[in-house]
Amino acid sequence: MSNKCPKCGAKLSPFYLKPNCPSCGVNIVQYGFDERLESDKIRAEKEWERTQEVLHRLAHSNRQTHIVFSADSRTADTCI
């Protein structure tokens, strides 16, 4: 964690443990939370798309064993 306020850039002591900036009053811990949450959402969607692609390839790679994927529970059931 840096020793500056993310909004106003005021210098903070390394031992300043309060959640709000003394200069501008912004909550230091939650500043930029919406942007981080949005980037995490986009990253999770990309990871899920890659996982779905791998599962799709796995389901169609072996024709003798049919793997059925449930979209709701995100589990795989093997039907022999």
N, C-alpha and C. Protein backbone atom coordinates (compact mmCIF):
# COMPACT_ATOMS: atom_id res chain seq x y z
N MET A 1 0.85 -1.18 0.00
CA MET A 1 0.00 0.00 0.00
C MET A 1 0.88 1.23 0.00
N SER A 2 0.56 2.20 -0.82
CA SER A 2 1.37 3.41 -0.90
C SER A 2 1.02 4.36 0.24
N ASN A 3 1.87 5.32 0.45
CA ASN A 3 1.67 6.29 1.53
C ASN A 3 1.07 7.58 1.01
N LYS A 4 0.26 7.48 -0.05
CA LYS A 4 -0.41 8.64 -0.61
C LYS A 4 -1.90 8.36 -0.73
N CYS A 5 -2.68 9.41 -0.63
CA CYS A 5 -4.12 9.28 -0.85
C CYS A 5 -4.35 9.04 -2.35
N PRO A 6 -5.19 8.07 -2.72
CA PRO A 6 -5.41 7.80 -4.14
C PRO A 6 -6.18 8.91 -4.86
N LYS A 7 -6.90 9.73 -4.11
CA LYS A 7 -7.69 10.78 -4.75
C LYS A 7 -6.94 12.11 -4.83
N CYS A 8 -6.47 12.59 -3.70
CA CYS A 8 -5.85 13.93 -3.69
C CYS A 8 -4.33 13.89 -3.70
N GLY A 9 -3.73 12.73 -3.42
CA GLY A 9 -2.28 12.60 -3.45
C GLY A 9 -1.59 13.12 -2.20
N ALA A 10 -2.34 13.37 -1.14
CA ALA A 10 -1.75 13.86 0.10
C ALA A 10 -0.87 12.77 0.70
N LYS A 11 0.28 13.19 1.26
CA LYS A 11 1.20 12.24 1.85
C LYS A 11 0.64 11.78 3.20
N LEU A 12 0.65 10.47 3.40
CA LEU A 12 0.17 9.88 4.65
C LEU A 12 1.32 9.19 5.36
N SER A 13 1.25 9.16 6.67
CA SER A 13 2.25 8.48 7.47
C SER A 13 2.14 6.98 7.24
N PRO A 14 3.25 6.25 7.30
CA PRO A 14 3.17 4.79 7.16
C PRO A 14 2.34 4.14 8.27
N PHE A 15 2.18 4.85 9.38
CA PHE A 15 1.42 4.33 10.51
C PHE A 15 0.01 4.89 10.55
N TYR A 16 -0.43 5.56 9.50
CA TYR A 16 -1.79 6.09 9.45
C TYR A 16 -2.73 4.94 9.11
N LEU A 17 -3.52 4.51 10.09
CA LEU A 17 -4.35 3.33 9.93
C LEU A 17 -5.84 3.65 9.83
N LYS A 18 -6.20 4.89 9.82
CA LYS A 18 -7.62 5.26 9.72
C LYS A 18 -8.09 5.05 8.28
N PRO A 19 -9.39 4.76 8.10
CA PRO A 19 -9.87 4.47 6.75
C PRO A 19 -10.05 5.70 5.86
N ASN A 20 -10.11 6.90 6.43
CA ASN A 20 -10.37 8.10 5.64
C ASN A 20 -9.14 8.99 5.56
N CYS A 21 -9.00 9.65 4.42
CA CYS A 21 -7.92 10.61 4.22
C CYS A 21 -8.18 11.85 5.08
N PRO A 22 -7.16 12.34 5.79
CA PRO A 22 -7.39 13.54 6.61
C PRO A 22 -7.57 14.81 5.78
N SER A 23 -7.10 14.81 4.54
CA SER A 23 -7.20 16.01 3.70
C SER A 23 -8.54 16.12 2.98
N CYS A 24 -8.92 15.06 2.27
CA CYS A 24 -10.14 15.15 1.45
C CYS A 24 -11.29 14.32 2.00
N GLY A 25 -11.02 13.41 2.95
CA GLY A 25 -12.09 12.63 3.57
C GLY A 25 -12.54 11.41 2.79
N VAL A 26 -11.84 11.06 1.71
CA VAL A 26 -12.23 9.89 0.93
C VAL A 26 -11.86 8.62 1.69
N ASN A 27 -12.67 7.58 1.52
CA ASN A 27 -12.37 6.29 2.14
C ASN A 27 -11.26 5.64 1.32
N ILE A 28 -10.09 5.52 1.91
CA ILE A 28 -8.90 5.03 1.20
C ILE A 28 -9.05 3.57 0.81
N VAL A 29 -9.66 2.78 1.69
CA VAL A 29 -9.77 1.34 1.45
C VAL A 29 -10.69 1.05 0.27
N GLN A 30 -11.79 1.77 0.19
CA GLN A 30 -12.78 1.47 -0.84
C GLN A 30 -12.71 2.38 -2.06
N TYR A 31 -11.70 3.23 -2.14
CA TYR A 31 -11.57 4.10 -3.30
C TYR A 31 -11.24 3.27 -4.53
N GLY A 32 -12.01 3.42 -5.58
CA GLY A 32 -11.81 2.67 -6.82
C GLY A 32 -12.38 1.27 -6.77
N PHE A 33 -13.22 0.98 -5.79
CA PHE A 33 -13.79 -0.36 -5.63
C PHE A 33 -14.62 -0.75 -6.85
N ASP A 34 -15.40 0.19 -7.39
CA ASP A 34 -16.25 -0.12 -8.54
C ASP A 34 -15.42 -0.52 -9.76
N GLU A 35 -14.32 0.18 -9.99
CA GLU A 35 -13.47 -0.16 -11.13
C GLU A 35 -12.83 -1.53 -10.95
N ARG A 36 -12.36 -1.83 -9.72
CA ARG A 36 -11.77 -3.14 -9.47
C ARG A 36 -12.80 -4.25 -9.62
N LEU A 37 -14.02 -3.98 -9.16
CA LEU A 37 -15.08 -4.97 -9.27
C LEU A 37 -15.42 -5.24 -10.73
N GLU A 38 -15.48 -4.20 -11.54
CA GLU A 38 -15.77 -4.36 -12.96
C GLU A 38 -14.66 -5.13 -13.67
N SER A 39 -13.40 -4.83 -13.34
CA SER A 39 -12.30 -5.56 -13.98
C SER A 39 -12.29 -7.03 -13.55
N ASP A 40 -12.63 -7.30 -12.29
CA ASP A 40 -12.73 -8.69 -11.84
C ASP A 40 -13.85 -9.42 -12.56
N LYS A 41 -14.95 -8.74 -12.81
CA LYS A 41 -16.08 -9.35 -13.53
C LYS A 41 -15.68 -9.72 -14.95
N ILE A 42 -15.00 -8.82 -15.63
CA ILE A 42 -14.57 -9.07 -17.00
C ILE A 42 -13.57 -10.23 -17.04
N ARG A 43 -12.63 -10.26 -16.09
CA ARG A 43 -11.64 -11.33 -16.03
C ARG A 43 -12.31 -12.68 -15.75
N ALA A 44 -13.30 -12.69 -14.84
CA ALA A 44 -14.00 -13.93 -14.53
C ALA A 44 -14.80 -14.44 -15.72
N GLU A 45 -15.41 -13.53 -16.48
CA GLU A 45 -16.15 -13.94 -17.67
C GLU A 45 -15.22 -14.57 -18.71
N LYS A 46 -14.04 -13.99 -18.88
CA LYS A 46 -13.08 -14.55 -19.83
C LYS A 46 -12.61 -15.93 -19.39
N GLU A 47 -12.35 -16.07 -18.09
CA GLU A 47 -11.92 -17.37 -17.58
C GLU A 47 -13.02 -18.41 -17.74
N TRP A 48 -14.27 -18.02 -17.52
CA TRP A 48 -15.37 -18.96 -17.67
C TRP A 48 -15.55 -19.36 -19.13
N GLU A 49 -15.37 -18.42 -20.06
CA GLU A 49 -15.45 -18.75 -21.48
C GLU A 49 -14.38 -19.78 -21.85
N ARG A 50 -13.14 -19.60 -21.33
CA ARG A 50 -12.08 -20.55 -21.61
C ARG A 50 -12.40 -21.92 -21.00
N THR A 51 -12.97 -21.91 -19.81
CA THR A 51 -13.34 -23.18 -19.16
C THR A 51 -14.42 -23.88 -19.95
N GLN A 52 -15.42 -23.14 -20.43
CA GLN A 52 -16.47 -23.73 -21.24
C GLN A 52 -15.91 -24.33 -22.52
N GLU A 53 -14.96 -23.65 -23.12
CA GLU A 53 -14.34 -24.15 -24.35
C GLU A 53 -13.61 -25.46 -24.09
N VAL A 54 -12.87 -25.53 -22.99
CA VAL A 54 -12.15 -26.76 -22.65
C VAL A 54 -13.14 -27.88 -22.37
N LEU A 55 -14.20 -27.60 -21.63
CA LEU A 55 -15.20 -28.61 -21.33
C LEU A 55 -15.91 -29.08 -22.60
N HIS A 56 -16.16 -28.16 -23.51
CA HIS A 56 -16.79 -28.51 -24.78
C HIS A 56 -15.88 -29.44 -25.59
N ARG A 57 -14.59 -29.11 -25.63
CA ARG A 57 -13.64 -29.96 -26.35
C ARG A 57 -13.53 -31.33 -25.69
N LEU A 58 -13.53 -31.34 -24.36
CA LEU A 58 -13.45 -32.59 -23.64
C LEU A 58 -14.68 -33.46 -23.89
N ALA A 59 -15.85 -32.85 -23.93
CA ALA A 59 -17.08 -33.60 -24.15
C ALA A 59 -17.12 -34.21 -25.54
N HIS A 60 -16.54 -33.53 -26.52
CA HIS A 60 -16.59 -34.03 -27.89
C HIS A 60 -15.34 -34.79 -28.31
N SER A 61 -14.36 -34.90 -27.42
CA SER A 61 -13.13 -35.58 -27.80
C SER A 61 -13.25 -37.09 -27.73
N ASN A 62 -14.02 -37.59 -26.79
CA ASN A 62 -14.15 -39.03 -26.62
C ASN A 62 -15.59 -39.43 -26.97
N ARG A 63 -15.75 -40.16 -28.04
CA ARG A 63 -17.10 -40.50 -28.51
C ARG A 63 -17.70 -41.70 -27.77
N GLN A 64 -16.87 -42.52 -27.14
CA GLN A 64 -17.41 -43.69 -26.45
C GLN A 64 -18.05 -43.32 -25.11
N THR A 65 -17.49 -42.40 -24.41
CA THR A 65 -18.05 -41.96 -23.15
C THR A 65 -18.68 -40.60 -23.38
N HIS A 66 -19.94 -40.48 -23.08
CA HIS A 66 -20.64 -39.22 -23.27
C HIS A 66 -20.65 -38.46 -21.96
N ILE A 67 -20.13 -37.25 -22.00
CA ILE A 67 -20.11 -36.42 -20.82
C ILE A 67 -21.19 -35.36 -20.99
N VAL A 68 -22.07 -35.27 -20.02
CA VAL A 68 -23.16 -34.32 -20.07
C VAL A 68 -22.87 -33.22 -19.07
N PHE A 69 -22.85 -31.98 -19.55
CA PHE A 69 -22.58 -30.84 -18.69
C PHE A 69 -23.87 -30.11 -18.39
N SER A 70 -24.06 -29.80 -17.16
CA SER A 70 -25.23 -29.05 -16.73
C SER A 70 -24.83 -27.59 -16.58
N ALA A 71 -25.54 -26.70 -17.23
CA ALA A 71 -25.21 -25.28 -17.19
C ALA A 71 -25.56 -24.67 -15.84
N ASP A 72 -26.56 -25.20 -15.17
CA ASP A 72 -26.98 -24.61 -13.91
C ASP A 72 -26.01 -24.92 -12.77
N SER A 73 -25.68 -26.18 -12.61
CA SER A 73 -24.82 -26.56 -11.49
C SER A 73 -23.35 -26.56 -11.86
N ARG A 74 -23.05 -26.45 -13.15
CA ARG A 74 -21.68 -26.43 -13.66
C ARG A 74 -20.89 -27.66 -13.20
N THR A 75 -21.54 -28.81 -13.32
CA THR A 75 -20.90 -30.07 -13.00
C THR A 75 -20.93 -30.97 -14.23
N ALA A 76 -20.15 -32.00 -14.19
CA ALA A 76 -20.11 -32.94 -15.30
C ALA A 76 -20.58 -34.30 -14.82
N ASP A 77 -21.47 -34.91 -15.55
CA ASP A 77 -21.94 -36.27 -15.26
C ASP A 77 -21.49 -37.16 -16.41
N THR A 78 -20.95 -38.31 -16.08
CA THR A 78 -20.50 -39.24 -17.10
C THR A 78 -21.55 -40.33 -17.27
N CYS A 79 -21.98 -40.50 -18.51
CA CYS A 79 -22.96 -41.54 -18.84
C CYS A 79 -22.27 -42.57 -19.71
N ILE A 80 -22.23 -43.78 -19.27
CA ILE A 80 -21.56 -44.85 -20.04
C ILE A 80 -22.61 -45.71 -20.71
